[in-house]
Amino acid sequence: MRIFLDVGAHYGESLDVALDPRWGFDEIYSFEPAHSCQRVLRGFRDKRVRVVPAGLSRATGPTTLFGAGALGASVYADKANLGSDVGQETISLVRATDWVFANTSADDEIYVKLNCEGSECDVLEDLLDSGAISRITSLYVDFDVRKIPSQAHRQGAVEERLREQRQHFFTRDVLSGLAGPPAVRAWLTMASGHTPSGAGRLRYRLGLHRPPSVWLTVVANRLTSVAKTVLPRAVVQAARLIREQMRDRRTGHTGRPAAHVQADRPSDALQAK
């Protein structure tokens, strides 16, 4: 069985890439401890998706997530881009080794994306110590520990251990600085190749696998872009004004700049890819 583990799923930016039928994944697990993100992930319309409401780490138990729901949320309070006024949330962690041995087999082909804001070293050290790393076919690791003063020293040691184990892994440096969904797509292209698949291809291209609210927002924005090229400018401006007024009524933030109202929303995150 071909399996994709999306560790640090956020709003599903990498999940959106993994659902492409070309990769041929049979099961896709999205690990996300933040409750606000879990609600979005459960909206994806594909039977292969399993949302795991926890983060992976080196031990099972509760902990505090700083900046819960934000793109840079971390279990490490000294992460560089968290700022001084961040929300906190008690979340669940699961030991990586326990989960891998309980939910996969030695015959599975497993691809793991790790973008978990500093917890990647906790996950990798646990898998290396237990030997469970041998079940992983390929890894993409975004080493966010470099942004955490108390943890930055761990990256070099972990990378060295991965090389000693001859583990197949990619980082942003290997992918010429690519990050986010483009990096995941480049990694899968090089690591797994393209599996021919006609089934579901049109549905994927139309974005019908996405949560309905996200799909509608993306379609509306694309139609607006098309309208700008074919309709008189006055008509486009009037339509934009109406859309902003409707958004203000929904959010209750009348008068606030549109960019501020839209910050860190699922639709923005998926369009950014």
C-alpha atoms as a PDB file:
ATOM      1  CA  MET A   1       0.000   0.000   0.000  1.00  0.00           C
ATOM      2  CA  ARG A   2       1.217   3.507  -0.834  1.00  0.00           C
ATOM      3  CA  ILE A   3       0.752   5.871   2.129  1.00  0.00           C
ATOM      4  CA  PHE A   4       1.309   9.614   2.616  1.00  0.00           C
ATOM      5  CA  LEU A   5       1.840  11.064   6.099  1.00  0.00           C
ATOM      6  CA  ASP A   6       1.276  14.815   6.260  1.00  0.00           C
ATOM      7  CA  VAL A   7       2.803  15.825   9.599  1.00  0.00           C
ATOM      8  CA  GLY A   8       1.858  19.429  10.316  1.00  0.00           C
ATOM      9  CA  ALA A   9      -1.125  19.566   7.965  1.00  0.00           C
ATOM     10  CA  HIS A  10      -2.348  23.083   8.898  1.00  0.00           C
ATOM     11  CA  TYR A  11      -5.195  23.927   6.473  1.00  0.00           C
ATOM     12  CA  GLY A  12      -4.312  21.156   4.014  1.00  0.00           C
ATOM     13  CA  GLU A  13      -1.816  22.940   1.775  1.00  0.00           C
ATOM     14  CA  SER A  14       0.309  19.782   1.352  1.00  0.00           C
ATOM     15  CA  LEU A  15      -2.758  17.546   1.477  1.00  0.00           C
ATOM     16  CA  ASP A  16      -4.034  19.398  -1.579  1.00  0.00           C
ATOM     17  CA  VAL A  17      -0.895  18.281  -3.432  1.00  0.00           C
ATOM     18  CA  ALA A  18      -0.916  14.702  -2.120  1.00  0.00           C
ATOM     19  CA  LEU A  19      -4.505  14.168  -3.309  1.00  0.00           C
ATOM     20  CA  ASP A  20      -3.403  14.501  -6.936  1.00  0.00           C
ATOM     21  CA  PRO A  21      -4.193  11.085  -8.473  1.00  0.00           C
ATOM     22  CA  ARG A  22      -0.826  11.057 -10.250  1.00  0.00           C
ATOM     23  CA  TRP A  23       0.932   9.985  -7.025  1.00  0.00           C
ATOM     24  CA  GLY A  24      -1.296   6.962  -6.517  1.00  0.00           C
ATOM     25  CA  PHE A  25      -1.625   7.199  -2.734  1.00  0.00           C
ATOM     26  CA  ASP A  26      -4.019   4.666  -1.218  1.00  0.00           C
ATOM     27  CA  GLU A  27      -4.204   6.314   2.204  1.00  0.00           C
ATOM     28  CA  ILE A  28      -3.364   9.850   3.350  1.00  0.00           C
ATOM     29  CA  TYR A  29      -3.028  10.741   7.029  1.00  0.00           C
ATOM     30  CA  SER A  30      -3.129  14.396   8.078  1.00  0.00           C
ATOM     31  CA  PHE A  31      -1.616  15.019  11.511  1.00  0.00           C
ATOM     32  CA  GLU A  32      -2.811  18.320  12.940  1.00  0.00           C
ATOM     33  CA  PRO A  33      -3.134  19.188  16.650  1.00  0.00           C
ATOM     34  CA  ALA A  34      -4.821  22.633  16.312  1.00  0.00           C
ATOM     35  CA  HIS A  35      -8.589  22.362  16.597  1.00  0.00           C
ATOM     36  CA  SER A  36      -9.356  25.213  14.185  1.00  0.00           C
ATOM     37  CA  CYS A  37      -7.284  23.514  11.473  1.00  0.00           C
ATOM     38  CA  GLN A  38      -8.843  20.104  12.088  1.00  0.00           C
ATOM     39  CA  ARG A  39     -12.272  21.465  11.165  1.00  0.00           C
ATOM     40  CA  VAL A  40     -10.971  22.571   7.773  1.00  0.00           C
ATOM     41  CA  LEU A  41      -9.147  19.293   7.113  1.00  0.00           C
ATOM     42  CA  ARG A  42     -12.302  17.259   7.786  1.00  0.00           C
ATOM     43  CA  GLY A  43     -13.978  19.194   4.982  1.00  0.00           C
ATOM     44  CA  PHE A  44     -11.764  17.639   2.275  1.00  0.00           C
ATOM     45  CA  ARG A  45     -13.893  15.385   0.113  1.00  0.00           C
ATOM     46  CA  ASP A  46     -11.794  12.293  -0.531  1.00  0.00           C
ATOM     47  CA  LYS A  47     -12.265   8.899   1.096  1.00  0.00           C
ATOM     48  CA  ARG A  48      -8.492   8.346   1.299  1.00  0.00           C
ATOM     49  CA  VAL A  49      -8.034  11.159   3.838  1.00  0.00           C
ATOM     50  CA  ARG A  50      -7.768  10.356   7.544  1.00  0.00           C
ATOM     51  CA  VAL A  51      -7.438  13.304   9.927  1.00  0.00           C
ATOM     52  CA  VAL A  52      -5.381  12.492  13.026  1.00  0.00           C
ATOM     53  CA  PRO A  53      -6.231  15.142  15.688  1.00  0.00           C
ATOM     54  CA  ALA A  54      -2.765  15.125  17.219  1.00  0.00           C
ATOM     55  CA  GLY A  55       0.842  15.969  16.508  1.00  0.00           C
ATOM     56  CA  LEU A  56       3.636  13.433  16.173  1.00  0.00           C
ATOM     57  CA  SER A  57       6.529  13.627  18.621  1.00  0.00           C
ATOM     58  CA  ARG A  58       8.879  11.467  20.693  1.00  0.00           C
ATOM     59  CA  ALA A  59       6.331  10.755  23.457  1.00  0.00           C
ATOM     60  CA  THR A  60       2.556  10.469  23.872  1.00  0.00           C
ATOM     61  CA  GLY A  61       0.777  13.021  26.037  1.00  0.00           C
ATOM     62  CA  PRO A  62      -0.625  16.562  26.277  1.00  0.00           C
ATOM     63  CA  THR A  63       1.387  19.736  25.727  1.00  0.00           C
ATOM     64  CA  THR A  64       0.920  23.425  24.930  1.00  0.00           C
ATOM     65  CA  LEU A  65       0.761  24.713  21.364  1.00  0.00           C
ATOM     66  CA  PHE A  66       1.838  28.352  21.042  1.00  0.00           C
ATOM     67  CA  GLY A  67       0.189  30.361  18.253  1.00  0.00           C
ATOM     68  CA  ALA A  68      -2.519  27.721  17.781  1.00  0.00           C
ATOM     69  CA  GLY A  69      -4.028  27.826  14.299  1.00  0.00           C
ATOM     70  CA  ALA A  70      -1.397  30.182  12.885  1.00  0.00           C
ATOM     71  CA  LEU A  71       0.984  29.091  10.152  1.00  0.00           C
ATOM     72  CA  GLY A  72       3.986  29.063  12.513  1.00  0.00           C
ATOM     73  CA  ALA A  73       2.356  27.471  15.585  1.00  0.00           C
ATOM     74  CA  SER A  74       4.867  25.492  17.657  1.00  0.00           C
ATOM     75  CA  VAL A  75       5.265  23.569  20.898  1.00  0.00           C
ATOM     76  CA  TYR A  76       8.439  25.619  21.441  1.00  0.00           C
ATOM     77  CA  ALA A  77       7.698  29.019  22.973  1.00  0.00           C
ATOM     78  CA  ASP A  78      10.971  30.578  21.750  1.00  0.00           C
ATOM     79  CA  LYS A  79      10.236  30.079  18.041  1.00  0.00           C
ATOM     80  CA  ALA A  80      11.353  33.251  16.259  1.00  0.00           C
ATOM     81  CA  ASN A  81       8.152  34.310  14.454  1.00  0.00           C
ATOM     82  CA  LEU A  82       5.555  33.692  17.178  1.00  0.00           C
ATOM     83  CA  GLY A  83       5.591  37.205  18.610  1.00  0.00           C
ATOM     84  CA  SER A  84       4.683  38.197  22.158  1.00  0.00           C
ATOM     85  CA  ASP A  85       0.873  37.989  21.953  1.00  0.00           C
ATOM     86  CA  VAL A  86      -0.038  34.511  20.739  1.00  0.00           C
ATOM     87  CA  GLY A  87      -2.895  32.202  21.552  1.00  0.00           C
ATOM     88  CA  GLN A  88      -2.238  28.961  23.381  1.00  0.00           C
ATOM     89  CA  GLU A  89      -4.017  25.631  23.234  1.00  0.00           C
ATOM     90  CA  THR A  90      -3.581  22.302  24.980  1.00  0.00           C
ATOM     91  CA  ILE A  91      -3.054  19.633  22.347  1.00  0.00           C
ATOM     92  CA  SER A  92      -2.379  15.912  22.083  1.00  0.00           C
ATOM     93  CA  LEU A  93       0.905  14.373  20.957  1.00  0.00           C
ATOM     94  CA  VAL A  94       1.460  10.781  19.839  1.00  0.00           C
ATOM     95  CA  ARG A  95       4.797   9.003  19.825  1.00  0.00           C
ATOM     96  CA  ALA A  96       5.840   8.624  16.178  1.00  0.00           C
ATOM     97  CA  THR A  97       7.216   5.093  16.569  1.00  0.00           C
ATOM     98  CA  ASP A  98       4.050   3.818  18.243  1.00  0.00           C
ATOM     99  CA  TRP A  99       1.849   5.230  15.487  1.00  0.00           C
ATOM    100  CA  VAL A 100       3.993   3.896  12.637  1.00  0.00           C
ATOM    101  CA  PHE A 101       4.169   0.358  14.034  1.00  0.00           C
ATOM    102  CA  ALA A 102       0.449   0.315  14.878  1.00  0.00           C
ATOM    103  CA  ASN A 103      -0.826   1.656  11.546  1.00  0.00           C
ATOM    104  CA  THR A 104       1.592   0.506   8.849  1.00  0.00           C
ATOM    105  CA  SER A 105       3.346  -2.672   7.762  1.00  0.00           C
ATOM    106  CA  ALA A 106       6.840  -3.448   6.538  1.00  0.00           C
ATOM    107  CA  ASP A 107       5.491  -3.883   3.003  1.00  0.00           C
ATOM    108  CA  ASP A 108       3.992  -0.395   2.772  1.00  0.00           C
ATOM    109  CA  GLU A 109       5.520   2.370   0.654  1.00  0.00           C
ATOM    110  CA  ILE A 110       5.441   5.367   3.010  1.00  0.00           C
ATOM    111  CA  TYR A 111       6.151   9.004   2.139  1.00  0.00           C
ATOM    112  CA  VAL A 112       6.420  11.451   5.038  1.00  0.00           C
ATOM    113  CA  LYS A 113       6.234  15.242   4.920  1.00  0.00           C
ATOM    114  CA  LEU A 114       7.492  16.886   8.112  1.00  0.00           C
ATOM    115  CA  ASN A 115       6.722  20.565   8.529  1.00  0.00           C
ATOM    116  CA  CYS A 116       5.852  20.806  12.203  1.00  0.00           C
ATOM    117  CA  GLU A 117       7.550  23.976  13.402  1.00  0.00           C
ATOM    118  CA  GLY A 118      10.391  22.464  15.418  1.00  0.00           C
ATOM    119  CA  SER A 119       8.931  19.061  16.282  1.00  0.00           C
ATOM    120  CA  GLU A 120      10.553  17.457  13.236  1.00  0.00           C
ATOM    121  CA  CYS A 121      13.708  16.624  15.203  1.00  0.00           C
ATOM    122  CA  ASP A 122      11.640  15.033  17.989  1.00  0.00           C
ATOM    123  CA  VAL A 123       9.901  12.826  15.394  1.00  0.00           C
ATOM    124  CA  LEU A 124      13.043  11.889  13.496  1.00  0.00           C
ATOM    125  CA  GLU A 125      15.143  11.133  16.583  1.00  0.00           C
ATOM    126  CA  ASP A 126      12.391   8.873  17.885  1.00  0.00           C
ATOM    127  CA  LEU A 127      12.107   6.991  14.569  1.00  0.00           C
ATOM    128  CA  LEU A 128      15.892   6.656  14.342  1.00  0.00           C
ATOM    129  CA  ASP A 129      16.270   5.439  17.925  1.00  0.00           C
ATOM    130  CA  SER A 130      13.555   2.796  17.553  1.00  0.00           C
ATOM    131  CA  GLY A 131      14.452   1.640  14.042  1.00  0.00           C
ATOM    132  CA  ALA A 132      10.988   2.554  12.745  1.00  0.00           C
ATOM    133  CA  ILE A 133      12.719   4.857  10.245  1.00  0.00           C
ATOM    134  CA  SER A 134      13.350   1.734   8.147  1.00  0.00           C
ATOM    135  CA  ARG A 135       9.672   1.702   7.172  1.00  0.00           C
ATOM    136  CA  ILE A 136       9.873   5.148   5.577  1.00  0.00           C
ATOM    137  CA  THR A 137      10.429   5.176   1.816  1.00  0.00           C
ATOM    138  CA  SER A 138      11.172   8.889   1.519  1.00  0.00           C
ATOM    139  CA  LEU A 139      11.078  12.023   3.672  1.00  0.00           C
ATOM    140  CA  TYR A 140      10.632  15.720   3.003  1.00  0.00           C
ATOM    141  CA  VAL A 141      11.765  17.717   6.032  1.00  0.00           C
ATOM    142  CA  ASP A 142      11.360  21.455   6.518  1.00  0.00           C
ATOM    143  CA  PHE A 143      13.791  22.049   9.378  1.00  0.00           C
ATOM    144  CA  ASP A 144      12.059  24.770  11.387  1.00  0.00           C
ATOM    145  CA  VAL A 145      14.370  24.140  14.335  1.00  0.00           C
ATOM    146  CA  ARG A 146      16.663  26.690  12.720  1.00  0.00           C
ATOM    147  CA  LYS A 147      14.109  29.328  13.844  1.00  0.00           C
ATOM    148  CA  ILE A 148      14.185  28.135  17.472  1.00  0.00           C
ATOM    149  CA  PRO A 149      17.257  29.241  19.485  1.00  0.00           C
ATOM    150  CA  SER A 150      16.965  26.429  22.014  1.00  0.00           C
ATOM    151  CA  GLN A 151      16.708  23.728  19.313  1.00  0.00           C
ATOM    152  CA  ALA A 152      18.697  24.952  16.291  1.00  0.00           C
ATOM    153  CA  HIS A 153      21.761  22.861  17.172  1.00  0.00           C
ATOM    154  CA  ARG A 154      19.842  19.612  16.577  1.00  0.00           C
ATOM    155  CA  GLN A 155      19.435  19.908  12.801  1.00  0.00           C
ATOM    156  CA  GLY A 156      23.001  18.994  11.846  1.00  0.00           C
ATOM    157  CA  ALA A 157      23.083  15.947  14.123  1.00  0.00           C
ATOM    158  CA  VAL A 158      19.748  14.638  12.831  1.00  0.00           C
ATOM    159  CA  GLU A 159      20.752  15.084   9.185  1.00  0.00           C
ATOM    160  CA  GLU A 160      24.004  13.230   9.852  1.00  0.00           C
ATOM    161  CA  ARG A 161      22.138  10.312  11.446  1.00  0.00           C
ATOM    162  CA  LEU A 162      19.773  10.133   8.459  1.00  0.00           C
ATOM    163  CA  ARG A 163      22.755   9.929   6.102  1.00  0.00           C
ATOM    164  CA  GLU A 164      24.392   7.238   8.231  1.00  0.00           C
ATOM    165  CA  GLN A 165      21.179   5.190   7.969  1.00  0.00           C
ATOM    166  CA  ARG A 166      21.142   5.866   4.213  1.00  0.00           C
ATOM    167  CA  GLN A 167      17.662   7.276   4.607  1.00  0.00           C
ATOM    168  CA  HIS A 168      16.174   8.876   1.489  1.00  0.00           C
ATOM    169  CA  PHE A 169      15.329  12.474   2.487  1.00  0.00           C
ATOM    170  CA  PHE A 170      14.911  15.927   0.963  1.00  0.00           C
ATOM    171  CA  THR A 171      15.155  19.410   2.505  1.00  0.00           C
ATOM    172  CA  ARG A 172      14.519  22.924   1.217  1.00  0.00           C
ATOM    173  CA  ASP A 173      18.244  23.209   0.454  1.00  0.00           C
ATOM    174  CA  VAL A 174      18.104  20.144  -1.807  1.00  0.00           C
ATOM    175  CA  LEU A 175      15.052  21.594  -3.575  1.00  0.00           C
ATOM    176  CA  SER A 176      16.762  24.903  -4.402  1.00  0.00           C
ATOM    177  CA  GLY A 177      14.977  26.791  -1.658  1.00  0.00           C
ATOM    178  CA  LEU A 178      11.439  25.788  -2.569  1.00  0.00           C
ATOM    179  CA  ALA A 179       8.998  25.711   0.338  1.00  0.00           C
ATOM    180  CA  GLY A 180       5.381  24.798   1.008  1.00  0.00           C
ATOM    181  CA  PRO A 181       3.269  23.049  -1.658  1.00  0.00           C
ATOM    182  CA  PRO A 182       5.777  23.666  -4.507  1.00  0.00           C
ATOM    183  CA  ALA A 183       8.449  21.872  -2.450  1.00  0.00           C
ATOM    184  CA  VAL A 184       6.133  18.945  -1.711  1.00  0.00           C
ATOM    185  CA  ARG A 185       5.261  18.632  -5.388  1.00  0.00           C
ATOM    186  CA  ALA A 186       8.932  18.754  -6.438  1.00  0.00           C
ATOM    187  CA  TRP A 187       9.859  16.149  -3.804  1.00  0.00           C
ATOM    188  CA  LEU A 188       7.116  13.741  -4.844  1.00  0.00           C
ATOM    189  CA  THR A 189       8.041  14.176  -8.498  1.00  0.00           C
ATOM    190  CA  MET A 190      11.637  13.154  -7.787  1.00  0.00           C
ATOM    191  CA  ALA A 191      11.013  10.576  -5.057  1.00  0.00           C
ATOM    192  CA  SER A 192       7.893   8.735  -6.151  1.00  0.00           C
ATOM    193  CA  GLY A 193       7.573   9.451  -9.843  1.00  0.00           C
ATOM    194  CA  HIS A 194       4.240   9.805 -11.587  1.00  0.00           C
ATOM    195  CA  THR A 195       1.769   6.953 -11.344  1.00  0.00           C
ATOM    196  CA  PRO A 196      -0.568   6.962 -14.389  1.00  0.00           C
ATOM    197  CA  SER A 197      -4.114   7.505 -13.171  1.00  0.00           C
ATOM    198  CA  GLY A 198      -7.061   8.691 -15.237  1.00  0.00           C
ATOM    199  CA  ALA A 199      -9.604   8.087 -12.491  1.00  0.00           C
ATOM    200  CA  GLY A 200     -10.324  11.207 -10.489  1.00  0.00           C
ATOM    201  CA  ARG A 201      -8.018  13.426 -12.553  1.00  0.00           C
ATOM    202  CA  LEU A 202     -10.777  15.750 -13.823  1.00  0.00           C
ATOM    203  CA  ARG A 203     -12.331  15.979 -10.356  1.00  0.00           C
ATOM    204  CA  TYR A 204      -8.953  16.979  -8.928  1.00  0.00           C
ATOM    205  CA  ARG A 205      -8.305  19.594 -11.595  1.00  0.00           C
ATOM    206  CA  LEU A 206     -11.704  21.135 -10.883  1.00  0.00           C
ATOM    207  CA  GLY A 207     -10.836  21.293  -7.189  1.00  0.00           C
ATOM    208  CA  LEU A 208     -13.854  19.241  -6.130  1.00  0.00           C
ATOM    209  CA  HIS A 209     -11.795  17.454  -3.462  1.00  0.00           C
ATOM    210  CA  ARG A 210     -11.512  20.676  -1.465  1.00  0.00           C
ATOM    211  CA  PRO A 211     -13.857  21.800   1.344  1.00  0.00           C
ATOM    212  CA  PRO A 212     -16.937  23.445  -0.238  1.00  0.00           C
ATOM    213  CA  SER A 213     -16.307  26.874   1.314  1.00  0.00           C
ATOM    214  CA  VAL A 214     -12.715  26.894   0.062  1.00  0.00           C
ATOM    215  CA  TRP A 215     -13.748  25.701  -3.405  1.00  0.00           C
ATOM    216  CA  LEU A 216     -16.386  28.442  -3.730  1.00  0.00           C
ATOM    217  CA  THR A 217     -13.931  31.143  -2.662  1.00  0.00           C
ATOM    218  CA  VAL A 218     -11.271  29.977  -5.113  1.00  0.00           C
ATOM    219  CA  VAL A 219     -13.798  29.818  -7.970  1.00  0.00           C
ATOM    220  CA  ALA A 220     -15.150  33.278  -7.135  1.00  0.00           C
ATOM    221  CA  ASN A 221     -11.658  34.782  -7.110  1.00  0.00           C
ATOM    222  CA  ARG A 222     -10.758  33.143 -10.418  1.00  0.00           C
ATOM    223  CA  LEU A 223     -13.976  34.405 -12.015  1.00  0.00           C
ATOM    224  CA  THR A 224     -13.153  37.883 -10.731  1.00  0.00           C
ATOM    225  CA  SER A 225      -9.725  37.671 -12.368  1.00  0.00           C
ATOM    226  CA  VAL A 226     -11.326  36.685 -15.670  1.00  0.00           C
ATOM    227  CA  ALA A 227     -13.900  39.448 -15.346  1.00  0.00           C
ATOM    228  CA  LYS A 228     -11.147  42.039 -14.990  1.00  0.00           C
ATOM    229  CA  THR A 229      -9.951  41.231 -18.480  1.00  0.00           C
ATOM    230  CA  VAL A 230     -13.324  41.266 -20.257  1.00  0.00           C
ATOM    231  CA  LEU A 231     -15.615  43.661 -18.349  1.00  0.00           C
ATOM    232  CA  PRO A 232     -15.493  47.474 -18.124  1.00  0.00           C
ATOM    233  CA  ARG A 233     -13.454  48.698 -15.179  1.00  0.00           C
ATOM    234  CA  ALA A 234     -16.448  50.385 -13.521  1.00  0.00           C
ATOM    235  CA  VAL A 235     -18.365  47.090 -13.441  1.00  0.00           C
ATOM    236  CA  VAL A 236     -15.427  45.228 -11.867  1.00  0.00           C
ATOM    237  CA  GLN A 237     -14.988  47.933  -9.213  1.00  0.00           C
ATOM    238  CA  ALA A 238     -18.692  47.841  -8.367  1.00  0.00           C
ATOM    239  CA  ALA A 239     -18.601  44.044  -8.022  1.00  0.00           C
ATOM    240  CA  ARG A 240     -15.528  44.252  -5.770  1.00  0.00           C
ATOM    241  CA  LEU A 241     -17.238  46.822  -3.538  1.00  0.00           C
ATOM    242  CA  ILE A 242     -20.324  44.621  -3.181  1.00  0.00           C
ATOM    243  CA  ARG A 243     -18.197  41.566  -2.364  1.00  0.00           C
ATOM    244  CA  GLU A 244     -16.256  43.489   0.318  1.00  0.00           C
ATOM    245  CA  GLN A 245     -19.477  44.766   1.875  1.00  0.00           C
ATOM    246  CA  MET A 246     -20.890  41.234   2.014  1.00  0.00           C
ATOM    247  CA  ARG A 247     -17.659  39.949   3.581  1.00  0.00           C
ATOM    248  CA  ASP A 248     -17.763  42.715   6.205  1.00  0.00           C
ATOM    249  CA  ARG A 249     -21.303  41.772   7.159  1.00  0.00           C
ATOM    250  CA  ARG A 250     -20.286  38.098   7.565  1.00  0.00           C
ATOM    251  CA  THR A 251     -17.188  38.845   9.633  1.00  0.00           C
ATOM    252  CA  GLY A 252     -18.481  41.828  11.589  1.00  0.00           C
ATOM    253  CA  HIS A 253     -15.293  43.762  10.801  1.00  0.00           C
ATOM    254  CA  THR A 254     -16.822  46.644   8.854  1.00  0.00           C
ATOM    255  CA  GLY A 255     -14.265  49.174   7.777  1.00  0.00           C
ATOM    256  CA  ARG A 256     -11.196  47.002   8.284  1.00  0.00           C
ATOM    257  CA  PRO A 257      -8.767  46.609   5.386  1.00  0.00           C
ATOM    258  CA  ALA A 258      -9.546  43.561   3.250  1.00  0.00           C
ATOM    259  CA  ALA A 259      -6.009  42.195   3.592  1.00  0.00           C
ATOM    260  CA  HIS A 260      -6.375  42.183   7.397  1.00  0.00           C
ATOM    261  CA  VAL A 261      -9.753  40.463   7.307  1.00  0.00           C
ATOM    262  CA  GLN A 262      -8.431  37.690   5.054  1.00  0.00           C
ATOM    263  CA  ALA A 263      -5.228  36.920   6.948  1.00  0.00           C
ATOM    264  CA  ASP A 264      -4.367  33.246   7.406  1.00  0.00           C
ATOM    265  CA  ARG A 265      -7.632  31.797   6.048  1.00  0.00           C
ATOM    266  CA  PRO A 266      -7.949  28.325   4.445  1.00  0.00           C
ATOM    267  CA  SER A 267      -8.880  29.743   1.033  1.00  0.00           C
ATOM    268  CA  ASP A 268      -5.865  32.081   1.030  1.00  0.00           C
ATOM    269  CA  ALA A 269      -3.515  29.286   2.053  1.00  0.00           C
ATOM    270  CA  LEU A 270      -4.675  26.947  -0.728  1.00  0.00           C
ATOM    271  CA  GLN A 271      -4.643  29.670  -3.391  1.00  0.00           C
ATOM    272  CA  ALA A 272      -1.082  30.616  -2.380  1.00  0.00           C
ATOM    273  CA  LYS A 273       0.191  27.294  -3.636  1.00  0.00           C
END
